[in-house]
Amino acid sequence: MTTSNFRKCFAIVILSLLSITSCKKKSDDLPAEEIKTNCIQGISSVKKVLFIGIDGCRTDALLAAHSPALDDLMQQGLVNFNTDRGPYTVSCPGWSTLLHGVWPNKHGVTSNDISNLNYGKFEDIFHYMRLHNPGYSLASISNWDNFLRLTTEEDYAQTANSDAEVKDKALYVLNNCTPDVLLLHFDKVDEEGHNSGFSPQNPYYLHAIQEVGDYVQTIMETIRYREQTLGEKWMVVVVTDHGGNGTGHGGQDDLPETRYVFQILKVPGLPHSELANASNVDILPSIFKYMEIQPDSSWEWDGIPLF
């Protein structure tokens, strides 16, 4: 075998191993229960929640990116640009904290290895919503399959092959069943950070944020139309799971650009303001306060409502 052919074969083997060990999984590898297509009509005629997760989005890069839609939400909403996302600066712990309302010492997720995921008594947003009202329509759409594994009891749970497809599926459910709570997860920003760097000076990273902003713009046009014509009132939450430094973010609990992130909450009836203190465990209590659901003390949430 020539040296050239040997190098080619070696490269193919390495790429194959990387694809096997990657935490990304194709949608056809997901358990059947994670691919749900029940577009159930929402029962709340007024109050609804849109949760937008932008994976791996540094705060300073968000502020540097040109995104009219995200800028509008910042100017309308409650904002904090120094939000503690907690320890274990990878995605599954970060999203688990946001969606379960407790820190990793309770939900137990400390890495992206969730093969034996067990939240114990600390359930997720959809479980608690279902406890309050079994009739709620609950939906989740993600460009990262593991995101769908962090919640249960949704009616509609779909993976997407791109952020553009997340947007398209979001428009589908908004126009066809309008769930009471809709979770969206965009992954391209994190992907670009790993590819070329998590930095406000990186034009490729900024472009990925701007691209997500364009998708948010399209979604918000539908939201505004529904608010103006149907009287719905949407709470819109925009958050991230971590920032980053260089081309990574794991093991960076002590780096401000990785651990301290942003929160944007557009709450109907409340004016724009900057929140003095915030952490990612405050998101779930804030959503439940807006939906007029009183949390049970047995849930042992670590946060408090932000308004």
C-alpha atoms as a PDB file:
ATOM      1  CA  MET A   1       0.000   0.000   0.000  1.00  0.00           C
ATOM      2  CA  THR A   2       1.376   3.422  -0.903  1.00  0.00           C
ATOM      3  CA  THR A   3       1.862   6.087   1.752  1.00  0.00           C
ATOM      4  CA  SER A   4      -0.894   8.147   0.132  1.00  0.00           C
ATOM      5  CA  ASN A   5      -3.397   5.279   0.195  1.00  0.00           C
ATOM      6  CA  PHE A   6      -2.449   4.431   3.781  1.00  0.00           C
ATOM      7  CA  ARG A   7      -3.180   7.996   4.863  1.00  0.00           C
ATOM      8  CA  LYS A   8      -6.555   7.937   3.105  1.00  0.00           C
ATOM      9  CA  CYS A   9      -7.529   4.659   4.780  1.00  0.00           C
ATOM     10  CA  PHE A  10      -6.362   5.957   8.161  1.00  0.00           C
ATOM     11  CA  ALA A  11      -8.457   9.116   7.727  1.00  0.00           C
ATOM     12  CA  ILE A  12     -11.545   7.089   6.831  1.00  0.00           C
ATOM     13  CA  VAL A  13     -11.132   4.935   9.963  1.00  0.00           C
ATOM     14  CA  ILE A  14     -10.758   8.004  12.188  1.00  0.00           C
ATOM     15  CA  LEU A  15     -13.855   9.664  10.677  1.00  0.00           C
ATOM     16  CA  SER A  16     -15.845   6.478  11.188  1.00  0.00           C
ATOM     17  CA  LEU A  17     -14.828   6.293  14.846  1.00  0.00           C
ATOM     18  CA  LEU A  18     -15.748   9.941  15.365  1.00  0.00           C
ATOM     19  CA  SER A  19     -19.198   9.376  13.882  1.00  0.00           C
ATOM     20  CA  ILE A  20     -19.732   6.438  16.223  1.00  0.00           C
ATOM     21  CA  THR A  21     -18.654   8.280  19.371  1.00  0.00           C
ATOM     22  CA  SER A  22     -20.406  11.566  18.582  1.00  0.00           C
ATOM     23  CA  CYS A  23     -23.231  12.547  20.937  1.00  0.00           C
ATOM     24  CA  LYS A  24     -25.265  13.455  17.856  1.00  0.00           C
ATOM     25  CA  LYS A  25     -27.648  10.751  16.766  1.00  0.00           C
ATOM     26  CA  LYS A  26     -29.696  10.372  13.649  1.00  0.00           C
ATOM     27  CA  SER A  27     -33.450  10.579  14.073  1.00  0.00           C
ATOM     28  CA  ASP A  28     -33.955   6.961  13.052  1.00  0.00           C
ATOM     29  CA  ASP A  29     -31.815   5.921  16.034  1.00  0.00           C
ATOM     30  CA  LEU A  30     -34.203   7.550  18.484  1.00  0.00           C
ATOM     31  CA  PRO A  31     -36.585   5.380  20.495  1.00  0.00           C
ATOM     32  CA  ALA A  32     -40.027   5.255  18.907  1.00  0.00           C
ATOM     33  CA  GLU A  33     -41.567   7.079  21.848  1.00  0.00           C
ATOM     34  CA  GLU A  34     -39.399  10.128  21.102  1.00  0.00           C
ATOM     35  CA  ILE A  35     -40.855  10.575  17.612  1.00  0.00           C
ATOM     36  CA  LYS A  36     -44.407  11.691  18.199  1.00  0.00           C
ATOM     37  CA  THR A  37     -46.662  13.199  15.574  1.00  0.00           C
ATOM     38  CA  ASN A  38     -49.832  14.000  17.508  1.00  0.00           C
ATOM     39  CA  CYS A  39     -50.660  17.574  16.594  1.00  0.00           C
ATOM     40  CA  ILE A  40     -53.191  18.097  19.390  1.00  0.00           C
ATOM     41  CA  GLN A  41     -55.184  21.315  19.452  1.00  0.00           C
ATOM     42  CA  GLY A  42     -54.156  23.628  22.274  1.00  0.00           C
ATOM     43  CA  ILE A  43     -56.760  24.251  24.936  1.00  0.00           C
ATOM     44  CA  SER A  44     -55.596  27.649  26.196  1.00  0.00           C
ATOM     45  CA  SER A  45     -57.290  30.253  24.038  1.00  0.00           C
ATOM     46  CA  VAL A  46     -55.145  33.110  25.340  1.00  0.00           C
ATOM     47  CA  LYS A  47     -51.955  32.321  27.264  1.00  0.00           C
ATOM     48  CA  LYS A  48     -49.313  30.289  25.470  1.00  0.00           C
ATOM     49  CA  VAL A  49     -45.538  29.804  25.703  1.00  0.00           C
ATOM     50  CA  LEU A  50     -42.857  29.703  23.020  1.00  0.00           C
ATOM     51  CA  PHE A  51     -39.478  28.517  24.320  1.00  0.00           C
ATOM     52  CA  ILE A  52     -36.561  29.174  21.951  1.00  0.00           C
ATOM     53  CA  GLY A  53     -33.274  27.503  22.792  1.00  0.00           C
ATOM     54  CA  ILE A  54     -30.168  28.596  20.861  1.00  0.00           C
ATOM     55  CA  ASP A  55     -27.472  26.071  21.649  1.00  0.00           C
ATOM     56  CA  GLY A  56     -23.995  27.397  22.468  1.00  0.00           C
ATOM     57  CA  CYS A  57     -24.726  31.100  22.014  1.00  0.00           C
ATOM     58  CA  ARG A  58     -22.273  33.415  23.787  1.00  0.00           C
ATOM     59  CA  THR A  59     -23.824  36.567  25.199  1.00  0.00           C
ATOM     60  CA  ASP A  60     -21.289  38.984  23.702  1.00  0.00           C
ATOM     61  CA  ALA A  61     -21.712  37.329  20.299  1.00  0.00           C
ATOM     62  CA  LEU A  62     -25.501  37.592  20.531  1.00  0.00           C
ATOM     63  CA  LEU A  63     -25.148  41.315  21.198  1.00  0.00           C
ATOM     64  CA  ALA A  64     -22.670  41.715  18.338  1.00  0.00           C
ATOM     65  CA  ALA A  65     -24.730  39.815  15.764  1.00  0.00           C
ATOM     66  CA  HIS A  66     -27.101  41.621  13.421  1.00  0.00           C
ATOM     67  CA  SER A  67     -30.495  40.117  14.209  1.00  0.00           C
ATOM     68  CA  PRO A  68     -33.511  42.455  14.182  1.00  0.00           C
ATOM     69  CA  ALA A  69     -35.852  39.764  15.526  1.00  0.00           C
ATOM     70  CA  LEU A  70     -33.683  38.923  18.530  1.00  0.00           C
ATOM     71  CA  ASP A  71     -32.978  42.636  19.091  1.00  0.00           C
ATOM     72  CA  ASP A  72     -36.718  43.333  19.118  1.00  0.00           C
ATOM     73  CA  LEU A  73     -37.305  40.641  21.729  1.00  0.00           C
ATOM     74  CA  MET A  74     -34.499  42.087  23.860  1.00  0.00           C
ATOM     75  CA  GLN A  75     -35.977  45.576  23.592  1.00  0.00           C
ATOM     76  CA  GLN A  76     -39.462  44.354  24.498  1.00  0.00           C
ATOM     77  CA  GLY A  77     -38.632  41.809  27.160  1.00  0.00           C
ATOM     78  CA  LEU A  78     -37.076  41.217  30.539  1.00  0.00           C
ATOM     79  CA  VAL A  79     -33.372  40.644  29.952  1.00  0.00           C
ATOM     80  CA  ASN A  80     -30.291  39.563  31.819  1.00  0.00           C
ATOM     81  CA  PHE A  81     -26.874  39.221  30.198  1.00  0.00           C
ATOM     82  CA  ASN A  82     -25.041  37.686  33.154  1.00  0.00           C
ATOM     83  CA  THR A  83     -27.200  34.662  33.914  1.00  0.00           C
ATOM     84  CA  ASP A  84     -25.638  31.759  35.808  1.00  0.00           C
ATOM     85  CA  ARG A  85     -26.212  28.555  33.826  1.00  0.00           C
ATOM     86  CA  GLY A  86     -24.582  26.443  36.537  1.00  0.00           C
ATOM     87  CA  PRO A  87     -21.758  23.875  36.489  1.00  0.00           C
ATOM     88  CA  TYR A  88     -20.974  21.152  33.922  1.00  0.00           C
ATOM     89  CA  THR A  89     -20.776  23.378  30.860  1.00  0.00           C
ATOM     90  CA  VAL A  90     -22.054  20.987  28.206  1.00  0.00           C
ATOM     91  CA  SER A  91     -25.483  20.788  26.652  1.00  0.00           C
ATOM     92  CA  CYS A  92     -27.408  18.035  28.432  1.00  0.00           C
ATOM     93  CA  PRO A  93     -26.739  19.406  31.944  1.00  0.00           C
ATOM     94  CA  GLY A  94     -27.547  22.929  30.723  1.00  0.00           C
ATOM     95  CA  TRP A  95     -30.845  22.052  29.077  1.00  0.00           C
ATOM     96  CA  SER A  96     -31.779  19.744  31.968  1.00  0.00           C
ATOM     97  CA  THR A  97     -31.373  22.647  34.394  1.00  0.00           C
ATOM     98  CA  LEU A  98     -33.596  24.863  32.236  1.00  0.00           C
ATOM     99  CA  LEU A  99     -36.289  22.241  31.600  1.00  0.00           C
ATOM    100  CA  HIS A 100     -36.371  20.658  35.069  1.00  0.00           C
ATOM    101  CA  GLY A 101     -35.923  23.749  37.236  1.00  0.00           C
ATOM    102  CA  VAL A 102     -33.156  22.326  39.429  1.00  0.00           C
ATOM    103  CA  TRP A 103     -29.354  22.283  39.470  1.00  0.00           C
ATOM    104  CA  PRO A 104     -27.287  19.239  38.449  1.00  0.00           C
ATOM    105  CA  ASN A 105     -26.868  18.118  42.066  1.00  0.00           C
ATOM    106  CA  LYS A 106     -30.594  17.271  41.880  1.00  0.00           C
ATOM    107  CA  HIS A 107     -31.306  16.329  38.264  1.00  0.00           C
ATOM    108  CA  GLY A 108     -28.066  14.333  38.145  1.00  0.00           C
ATOM    109  CA  VAL A 109     -27.040  15.094  34.555  1.00  0.00           C
ATOM    110  CA  THR A 110     -23.370  16.064  34.474  1.00  0.00           C
ATOM    111  CA  SER A 111     -22.364  15.136  30.899  1.00  0.00           C
ATOM    112  CA  ASN A 112     -23.797  14.472  27.449  1.00  0.00           C
ATOM    113  CA  ASP A 113     -23.817  10.749  28.163  1.00  0.00           C
ATOM    114  CA  ILE A 114     -27.477  10.184  28.928  1.00  0.00           C
ATOM    115  CA  SER A 115     -27.626   6.480  28.057  1.00  0.00           C
ATOM    116  CA  ASN A 116     -28.834   5.745  31.581  1.00  0.00           C
ATOM    117  CA  LEU A 117     -30.766   8.974  32.091  1.00  0.00           C
ATOM    118  CA  ASN A 118     -32.661   9.015  35.380  1.00  0.00           C
ATOM    119  CA  TYR A 119     -34.030  12.269  36.736  1.00  0.00           C
ATOM    120  CA  GLY A 120     -35.584  10.544  39.718  1.00  0.00           C
ATOM    121  CA  LYS A 121     -38.138  12.783  41.407  1.00  0.00           C
ATOM    122  CA  PHE A 122     -37.106  15.894  39.442  1.00  0.00           C
ATOM    123  CA  GLU A 123     -39.436  15.846  36.449  1.00  0.00           C
ATOM    124  CA  ASP A 124     -39.562  18.100  33.400  1.00  0.00           C
ATOM    125  CA  ILE A 125     -41.740  21.001  32.258  1.00  0.00           C
ATOM    126  CA  PHE A 126     -44.140  18.824  30.280  1.00  0.00           C
ATOM    127  CA  HIS A 127     -44.703  16.389  33.164  1.00  0.00           C
ATOM    128  CA  TYR A 128     -45.594  19.250  35.504  1.00  0.00           C
ATOM    129  CA  MET A 129     -47.798  20.886  32.863  1.00  0.00           C
ATOM    130  CA  ARG A 130     -49.615  17.589  32.410  1.00  0.00           C
ATOM    131  CA  LEU A 131     -50.134  17.269  36.167  1.00  0.00           C
ATOM    132  CA  HIS A 132     -51.874  20.642  36.160  1.00  0.00           C
ATOM    133  CA  ASN A 133     -53.993  19.968  33.081  1.00  0.00           C
ATOM    134  CA  PRO A 134     -53.883  16.635  31.212  1.00  0.00           C
ATOM    135  CA  GLY A 135     -55.457  18.320  28.186  1.00  0.00           C
ATOM    136  CA  TYR A 136     -52.565  20.658  27.397  1.00  0.00           C
ATOM    137  CA  SER A 137     -51.054  20.395  23.919  1.00  0.00           C
ATOM    138  CA  LEU A 138     -47.278  20.125  24.298  1.00  0.00           C
ATOM    139  CA  ALA A 139     -44.710  20.063  21.503  1.00  0.00           C
ATOM    140  CA  SER A 140     -40.939  19.934  21.099  1.00  0.00           C
ATOM    141  CA  ILE A 141     -38.821  20.294  17.939  1.00  0.00           C
ATOM    142  CA  SER A 142     -35.038  20.029  17.895  1.00  0.00           C
ATOM    143  CA  ASN A 143     -32.026  19.954  15.602  1.00  0.00           C
ATOM    144  CA  TRP A 144     -30.219  17.860  18.249  1.00  0.00           C
ATOM    145  CA  ASP A 145     -31.841  14.543  19.027  1.00  0.00           C
ATOM    146  CA  ASN A 146     -30.683  14.370  22.650  1.00  0.00           C
ATOM    147  CA  PHE A 147     -32.800  17.446  23.411  1.00  0.00           C
ATOM    148  CA  LEU A 148     -35.926  15.334  22.870  1.00  0.00           C
ATOM    149  CA  ARG A 149     -34.743  12.864  25.504  1.00  0.00           C
ATOM    150  CA  LEU A 150     -34.797  15.480  28.261  1.00  0.00           C
ATOM    151  CA  THR A 151     -38.587  15.824  28.403  1.00  0.00           C
ATOM    152  CA  THR A 152     -41.531  13.442  28.563  1.00  0.00           C
ATOM    153  CA  GLU A 153     -45.262  13.376  27.917  1.00  0.00           C
ATOM    154  CA  GLU A 154     -45.284  15.737  24.940  1.00  0.00           C
ATOM    155  CA  ASP A 155     -47.807  15.096  22.167  1.00  0.00           C
ATOM    156  CA  TYR A 156     -45.549  16.189  19.316  1.00  0.00           C
ATOM    157  CA  ALA A 157     -41.797  15.493  19.431  1.00  0.00           C
ATOM    158  CA  GLN A 158     -39.861  15.833  16.224  1.00  0.00           C
ATOM    159  CA  THR A 159     -36.202  15.939  15.333  1.00  0.00           C
ATOM    160  CA  ALA A 160     -34.981  18.071  12.431  1.00  0.00           C
ATOM    161  CA  ASN A 161     -31.984  17.826  10.136  1.00  0.00           C
ATOM    162  CA  SER A 162     -31.322  21.577  10.162  1.00  0.00           C
ATOM    163  CA  ASP A 163     -32.332  24.765  11.943  1.00  0.00           C
ATOM    164  CA  ALA A 164     -34.350  25.690   8.847  1.00  0.00           C
ATOM    165  CA  GLU A 165     -36.356  22.507   9.327  1.00  0.00           C
ATOM    166  CA  VAL A 166     -36.933  23.388  12.986  1.00  0.00           C
ATOM    167  CA  LYS A 167     -38.461  26.641  11.746  1.00  0.00           C
ATOM    168  CA  ASP A 168     -40.610  24.857   9.142  1.00  0.00           C
ATOM    169  CA  LYS A 169     -41.948  22.325  11.641  1.00  0.00           C
ATOM    170  CA  ALA A 170     -42.628  25.105  14.143  1.00  0.00           C
ATOM    171  CA  LEU A 171     -44.742  26.924  11.576  1.00  0.00           C
ATOM    172  CA  TYR A 172     -46.573  23.673  10.835  1.00  0.00           C
ATOM    173  CA  VAL A 173     -47.617  23.075  14.441  1.00  0.00           C
ATOM    174  CA  LEU A 174     -48.418  26.751  15.038  1.00  0.00           C
ATOM    175  CA  ASN A 175     -50.747  26.806  12.039  1.00  0.00           C
ATOM    176  CA  ASN A 176     -52.267  23.362  12.501  1.00  0.00           C
ATOM    177  CA  CYS A 177     -52.679  22.793  16.229  1.00  0.00           C
ATOM    178  CA  THR A 178     -51.111  25.757  18.083  1.00  0.00           C
ATOM    179  CA  PRO A 179     -49.807  23.950  21.179  1.00  0.00           C
ATOM    180  CA  ASP A 180     -50.075  25.535  24.586  1.00  0.00           C
ATOM    181  CA  VAL A 181     -46.312  25.149  25.076  1.00  0.00           C
ATOM    182  CA  LEU A 182     -43.863  24.839  22.182  1.00  0.00           C
ATOM    183  CA  LEU A 183     -40.159  24.136  22.748  1.00  0.00           C
ATOM    184  CA  LEU A 184     -37.729  24.841  19.897  1.00  0.00           C
ATOM    185  CA  HIS A 185     -34.045  23.950  19.892  1.00  0.00           C
ATOM    186  CA  PHE A 186     -31.649  25.405  17.298  1.00  0.00           C
ATOM    187  CA  ASP A 187     -28.208  23.785  17.064  1.00  0.00           C
ATOM    188  CA  LYS A 188     -26.269  25.509  14.242  1.00  0.00           C
ATOM    189  CA  VAL A 189     -24.690  28.165  16.490  1.00  0.00           C
ATOM    190  CA  ASP A 190     -23.088  25.542  18.723  1.00  0.00           C
ATOM    191  CA  GLU A 191     -21.997  23.560  15.671  1.00  0.00           C
ATOM    192  CA  GLU A 192     -20.305  26.613  14.172  1.00  0.00           C
ATOM    193  CA  GLY A 193     -18.637  27.398  17.482  1.00  0.00           C
ATOM    194  CA  HIS A 194     -17.071  23.949  17.501  1.00  0.00           C
ATOM    195  CA  ASN A 195     -16.086  24.305  13.864  1.00  0.00           C
ATOM    196  CA  SER A 196     -14.529  27.767  13.864  1.00  0.00           C
ATOM    197  CA  GLY A 197     -14.673  29.242  17.368  1.00  0.00           C
ATOM    198  CA  PHE A 198     -17.039  30.661  19.982  1.00  0.00           C
ATOM    199  CA  SER A 199     -16.205  34.334  19.598  1.00  0.00           C
ATOM    200  CA  PRO A 200     -17.880  37.665  18.811  1.00  0.00           C
ATOM    201  CA  GLN A 201     -14.941  38.270  16.452  1.00  0.00           C
ATOM    202  CA  ASN A 202     -15.701  35.144  14.420  1.00  0.00           C
ATOM    203  CA  PRO A 203     -17.837  36.115  11.375  1.00  0.00           C
ATOM    204  CA  TYR A 204     -18.960  32.523  10.804  1.00  0.00           C
ATOM    205  CA  TYR A 205     -20.211  32.229  14.380  1.00  0.00           C
ATOM    206  CA  LEU A 206     -21.998  35.576  14.133  1.00  0.00           C
ATOM    207  CA  HIS A 207     -23.563  34.528  10.835  1.00  0.00           C
ATOM    208  CA  ALA A 208     -24.952  31.388  12.465  1.00  0.00           C
ATOM    209  CA  ILE A 209     -26.601  33.542  15.161  1.00  0.00           C
ATOM    210  CA  GLN A 210     -27.998  35.869  12.500  1.00  0.00           C
ATOM    211  CA  GLU A 211     -29.378  32.886  10.595  1.00  0.00           C
ATOM    212  CA  VAL A 212     -31.240  31.666  13.672  1.00  0.00           C
ATOM    213  CA  GLY A 213     -32.487  35.224  14.137  1.00  0.00           C
ATOM    214  CA  ASP A 214     -33.961  35.100  10.634  1.00  0.00           C
ATOM    215  CA  TYR A 215     -35.839  31.904  11.523  1.00  0.00           C
ATOM    216  CA  VAL A 216     -37.072  33.504  14.745  1.00  0.00           C
ATOM    217  CA  GLN A 217     -38.271  36.481  12.689  1.00  0.00           C
ATOM    218  CA  THR A 218     -40.440  34.219  10.528  1.00  0.00           C
ATOM    219  CA  ILE A 219     -41.841  32.424  13.574  1.00  0.00           C
ATOM    220  CA  MET A 220     -42.571  35.701  15.365  1.00  0.00           C
ATOM    221  CA  GLU A 221     -44.493  36.986  12.336  1.00  0.00           C
ATOM    222  CA  THR A 222     -46.867  34.055  12.807  1.00  0.00           C
ATOM    223  CA  ILE A 223     -47.025  34.678  16.561  1.00  0.00           C
ATOM    224  CA  ARG A 224     -47.857  38.366  16.058  1.00  0.00           C
ATOM    225  CA  TYR A 225     -50.520  37.504  13.488  1.00  0.00           C
ATOM    226  CA  ARG A 226     -52.161  35.124  15.944  1.00  0.00           C
ATOM    227  CA  GLU A 227     -51.998  37.688  18.731  1.00  0.00           C
ATOM    228  CA  GLN A 228     -53.551  40.406  16.562  1.00  0.00           C
ATOM    229  CA  THR A 229     -56.284  38.300  14.948  1.00  0.00           C
ATOM    230  CA  LEU A 230     -57.052  35.598  17.525  1.00  0.00           C
ATOM    231  CA  GLY A 231     -56.371  37.364  20.800  1.00  0.00           C
ATOM    232  CA  GLU A 232     -53.627  34.967  21.903  1.00  0.00           C
ATOM    233  CA  LYS A 233     -50.913  36.242  24.242  1.00  0.00           C
ATOM    234  CA  TRP A 234     -47.561  34.537  23.907  1.00  0.00           C
ATOM    235  CA  MET A 235     -44.788  34.509  26.468  1.00  0.00           C
ATOM    236  CA  VAL A 236     -41.569  34.125  24.455  1.00  0.00           C
ATOM    237  CA  VAL A 237     -38.451  32.805  26.187  1.00  0.00           C
ATOM    238  CA  VAL A 238     -35.040  32.890  24.463  1.00  0.00           C
ATOM    239  CA  VAL A 239     -32.192  31.143  26.272  1.00  0.00           C
ATOM    240  CA  THR A 240     -29.007  29.150  25.747  1.00  0.00           C
ATOM    241  CA  ASP A 241     -27.337  26.261  27.551  1.00  0.00           C
ATOM    242  CA  HIS A 242     -23.748  27.582  27.550  1.00  0.00           C
ATOM    243  CA  GLY A 243     -21.300  29.909  25.834  1.00  0.00           C
ATOM    244  CA  GLY A 244     -17.815  28.812  24.850  1.00  0.00           C
ATOM    245  CA  ASN A 245     -14.153  29.623  24.420  1.00  0.00           C
ATOM    246  CA  GLY A 246     -11.958  28.627  21.509  1.00  0.00           C
ATOM    247  CA  THR A 247     -13.714  25.725  19.826  1.00  0.00           C
ATOM    248  CA  GLY A 248     -15.040  24.159  23.022  1.00  0.00           C
ATOM    249  CA  HIS A 249     -17.020  24.700  26.204  1.00  0.00           C
ATOM    250  CA  GLY A 250     -16.733  21.539  28.299  1.00  0.00           C
ATOM    251  CA  GLY A 251     -14.918  21.858  31.630  1.00  0.00           C
ATOM    252  CA  GLN A 252     -15.157  25.649  31.524  1.00  0.00           C
ATOM    253  CA  ASP A 253     -17.220  26.238  34.676  1.00  0.00           C
ATOM    254  CA  ASP A 254     -14.909  29.071  35.709  1.00  0.00           C
ATOM    255  CA  LEU A 255     -14.895  30.950  32.389  1.00  0.00           C
ATOM    256  CA  PRO A 256     -17.436  33.825  32.382  1.00  0.00           C
ATOM    257  CA  GLU A 257     -17.888  33.636  28.587  1.00  0.00           C
ATOM    258  CA  THR A 258     -18.997  30.014  28.943  1.00  0.00           C
ATOM    259  CA  ARG A 259     -20.855  29.860  32.257  1.00  0.00           C
ATOM    260  CA  TYR A 260     -22.627  33.223  32.251  1.00  0.00           C
ATOM    261  CA  VAL A 261     -25.244  33.510  29.541  1.00  0.00           C
ATOM    262  CA  PHE A 262     -28.355  35.508  28.622  1.00  0.00           C
ATOM    263  CA  GLN A 263     -32.087  35.336  29.239  1.00  0.00           C
ATOM    264  CA  ILE A 264     -34.793  37.077  27.230  1.00  0.00           C
ATOM    265  CA  LEU A 265     -38.406  36.854  28.383  1.00  0.00           C
ATOM    266  CA  LYS A 266     -41.122  38.679  26.471  1.00  0.00           C
ATOM    267  CA  VAL A 267     -44.054  38.643  28.860  1.00  0.00           C
ATOM    268  CA  PRO A 268     -47.351  40.133  27.632  1.00  0.00           C
ATOM    269  CA  GLY A 269     -48.323  43.102  29.763  1.00  0.00           C
ATOM    270  CA  LEU A 270     -44.841  43.727  31.184  1.00  0.00           C
ATOM    271  CA  PRO A 271     -42.518  46.469  29.896  1.00  0.00           C
ATOM    272  CA  HIS A 272     -38.879  45.997  28.993  1.00  0.00           C
ATOM    273  CA  SER A 273     -36.522  45.905  31.961  1.00  0.00           C
ATOM    274  CA  GLU A 274     -33.106  44.591  32.901  1.00  0.00           C
ATOM    275  CA  LEU A 275     -33.137  41.926  35.581  1.00  0.00           C
ATOM    276  CA  ALA A 276     -30.667  42.474  38.400  1.00  0.00           C
ATOM    277  CA  ASN A 277     -30.125  38.801  39.156  1.00  0.00           C
ATOM    278  CA  ALA A 278     -31.031  35.671  37.268  1.00  0.00           C
ATOM    279  CA  SER A 279     -30.104  32.029  36.879  1.00  0.00           C
ATOM    280  CA  ASN A 280     -31.337  29.333  34.539  1.00  0.00           C
ATOM    281  CA  VAL A 281     -33.338  27.602  37.292  1.00  0.00           C
ATOM    282  CA  ASP A 282     -35.600  30.686  37.303  1.00  0.00           C
ATOM    283  CA  ILE A 283     -37.005  29.987  33.832  1.00  0.00           C
ATOM    284  CA  LEU A 284     -39.392  27.184  34.782  1.00  0.00           C
ATOM    285  CA  PRO A 285     -40.948  29.092  37.734  1.00  0.00           C
ATOM    286  CA  SER A 286     -41.364  32.116  35.437  1.00  0.00           C
ATOM    287  CA  ILE A 287     -43.173  30.096  32.768  1.00  0.00           C
ATOM    288  CA  PHE A 288     -45.487  28.540  35.349  1.00  0.00           C
ATOM    289  CA  LYS A 289     -46.264  31.915  36.888  1.00  0.00           C
ATOM    290  CA  TYR A 290     -47.285  33.239  33.481  1.00  0.00           C
ATOM    291  CA  MET A 291     -49.492  30.196  32.889  1.00  0.00           C
ATOM    292  CA  GLU A 292     -51.032  30.742  36.351  1.00  0.00           C
ATOM    293  CA  ILE A 293     -49.880  27.368  37.644  1.00  0.00           C
ATOM    294  CA  GLN A 294     -48.829  27.151  41.295  1.00  0.00           C
ATOM    295  CA  PRO A 295     -45.803  24.855  41.701  1.00  0.00           C
ATOM    296  CA  ASP A 296     -46.017  22.218  44.406  1.00  0.00           C
ATOM    297  CA  SER A 297     -43.391  22.449  47.138  1.00  0.00           C
ATOM    298  CA  SER A 298     -42.635  18.750  46.633  1.00  0.00           C
ATOM    299  CA  TRP A 299     -41.100  19.599  43.252  1.00  0.00           C
ATOM    300  CA  GLU A 300     -38.240  21.315  45.124  1.00  0.00           C
ATOM    301  CA  TRP A 301     -37.407  23.766  42.362  1.00  0.00           C
ATOM    302  CA  ASP A 302     -34.264  25.812  42.937  1.00  0.00           C
ATOM    303  CA  GLY A 303     -35.400  29.021  41.245  1.00  0.00           C
ATOM    304  CA  ILE A 304     -37.984  31.755  41.624  1.00  0.00           C
ATOM    305  CA  PRO A 305     -40.094  33.689  39.079  1.00  0.00           C
ATOM    306  CA  LEU A 306     -38.266  36.573  37.427  1.00  0.00           C
ATOM    307  CA  PHE A 307     -41.324  38.854  37.550  1.00  0.00           C
END
